[in-house]
Amino acid sequence: MERDTFRPWIRAHEVGEYEFCARAWWHRRQGHHSARQEDAEQGRRFHARFAQGRRWGDRLLALAALLLAVGLLVIGRALAFR
């Protein structure tokens, strides 16, 4: 049986790269290199700020859920001992 040379393999680390920025992953797979390194660096900074914002948002959401649970617990205890 002949090996399929037309279908390139996608490596595990590329899945994360694709999830982060599909367009950049595709360009990298095609062997394209940015002639505008300044724009590429600006894009990397944008993505880093975006990821940081997502992490803060996730943390704030977890904190809100925790505070809601504590508040419901306090209200439940107050009503139970009434």
Protein backbone atom coordinates (compact mmCIF):
# COMPACT_ATOMS: atom_id res chain seq x y z
CA MET A 1 0.00 0.00 0.00
CA GLU A 2 1.37 3.42 -0.95
CA ARG A 3 1.78 6.08 1.70
CA ASP A 4 -0.41 9.17 1.25
CA THR A 5 2.07 12.00 0.62
CA PHE A 6 -0.57 14.56 -0.36
CA ARG A 7 -2.13 14.82 3.08
CA PRO A 8 0.23 16.49 5.55
CA TRP A 9 -0.01 15.41 9.14
CA ILE A 10 -1.10 17.87 11.77
CA ARG A 11 0.94 17.63 14.93
CA ALA A 12 -0.56 17.92 18.41
CA HIS A 13 1.02 21.31 19.15
CA GLU A 14 -0.49 22.69 15.94
CA VAL A 15 -3.99 22.17 17.28
CA GLY A 16 -3.30 24.76 19.97
CA GLU A 17 -1.75 27.12 17.43
CA TYR A 18 -4.81 26.72 15.19
CA GLU A 19 -7.18 27.35 18.09
CA PHE A 20 -5.25 30.50 18.99
CA CYS A 21 -5.20 31.94 15.45
CA ALA A 22 -6.33 29.86 12.49
CA ARG A 23 -5.11 32.36 9.91
CA ALA A 24 -1.58 32.51 11.32
CA TRP A 25 -1.49 28.70 11.52
CA TRP A 26 -2.54 28.40 7.88
CA HIS A 27 0.10 30.90 6.72
CA ARG A 28 2.77 29.08 8.72
CA ARG A 29 1.69 25.73 7.19
CA GLN A 30 1.96 27.25 3.70
CA GLY A 31 5.48 28.41 4.45
CA HIS A 32 4.58 32.09 4.25
CA HIS A 33 6.69 34.44 6.31
CA SER A 34 5.58 37.93 7.09
CA ALA A 35 7.54 40.60 5.28
CA ARG A 36 6.03 43.02 7.75
CA GLN A 37 7.57 41.88 11.02
CA GLU A 38 6.28 45.01 12.73
CA ASP A 39 2.69 44.00 11.95
CA ALA A 40 3.38 40.44 13.05
CA GLU A 41 4.72 41.69 16.38
CA GLN A 42 1.70 43.94 16.80
CA GLY A 43 -0.53 40.90 16.18
CA ARG A 44 1.35 38.88 18.79
CA ARG A 45 0.91 41.69 21.33
CA PHE A 46 -2.80 41.93 20.49
CA HIS A 47 -3.26 38.20 21.00
CA ALA A 48 -1.32 38.30 24.28
CA ARG A 49 -3.52 41.14 25.61
CA PHE A 50 -6.65 39.32 24.47
CA ALA A 51 -5.56 36.11 26.20
CA GLN A 52 -4.76 38.02 29.39
CA GLY A 53 -8.20 39.63 29.30
CA ARG A 54 -9.81 36.22 28.90
CA ARG A 55 -7.90 34.88 31.90
CA TRP A 56 -9.04 37.84 34.03
CA GLY A 57 -12.61 37.35 32.82
CA ASP A 58 -12.51 33.68 33.75
CA ARG A 59 -11.17 34.53 37.20
CA LEU A 60 -13.84 37.17 37.78
CA LEU A 61 -16.54 34.75 36.68
CA ALA A 62 -15.25 32.12 39.13
CA LEU A 63 -15.15 34.73 41.91
CA ALA A 64 -18.73 35.80 41.12
CA ALA A 65 -19.89 32.17 41.27
CA LEU A 66 -18.12 31.68 44.60
CA LEU A 67 -19.64 34.85 46.07
CA LEU A 68 -23.09 33.81 44.84
CA ALA A 69 -22.70 30.39 46.48
CA VAL A 70 -21.56 31.94 49.76
CA GLY A 71 -24.42 34.45 49.67
CA LEU A 72 -26.98 31.71 49.06
CA LEU A 73 -25.48 29.67 51.88
CA VAL A 74 -25.69 32.62 54.30
CA ILE A 75 -29.30 33.33 53.32
CA GLY A 76 -30.20 29.66 53.65
CA ARG A 77 -28.64 29.46 57.13
CA ALA A 78 -30.38 32.66 58.21
CA LEU A 79 -33.73 31.35 57.09
CA ALA A 80 -33.14 27.94 58.70
CA PHE A 81 -32.42 29.41 62.14
CA ARG A 82 -35.33 31.79 62.07
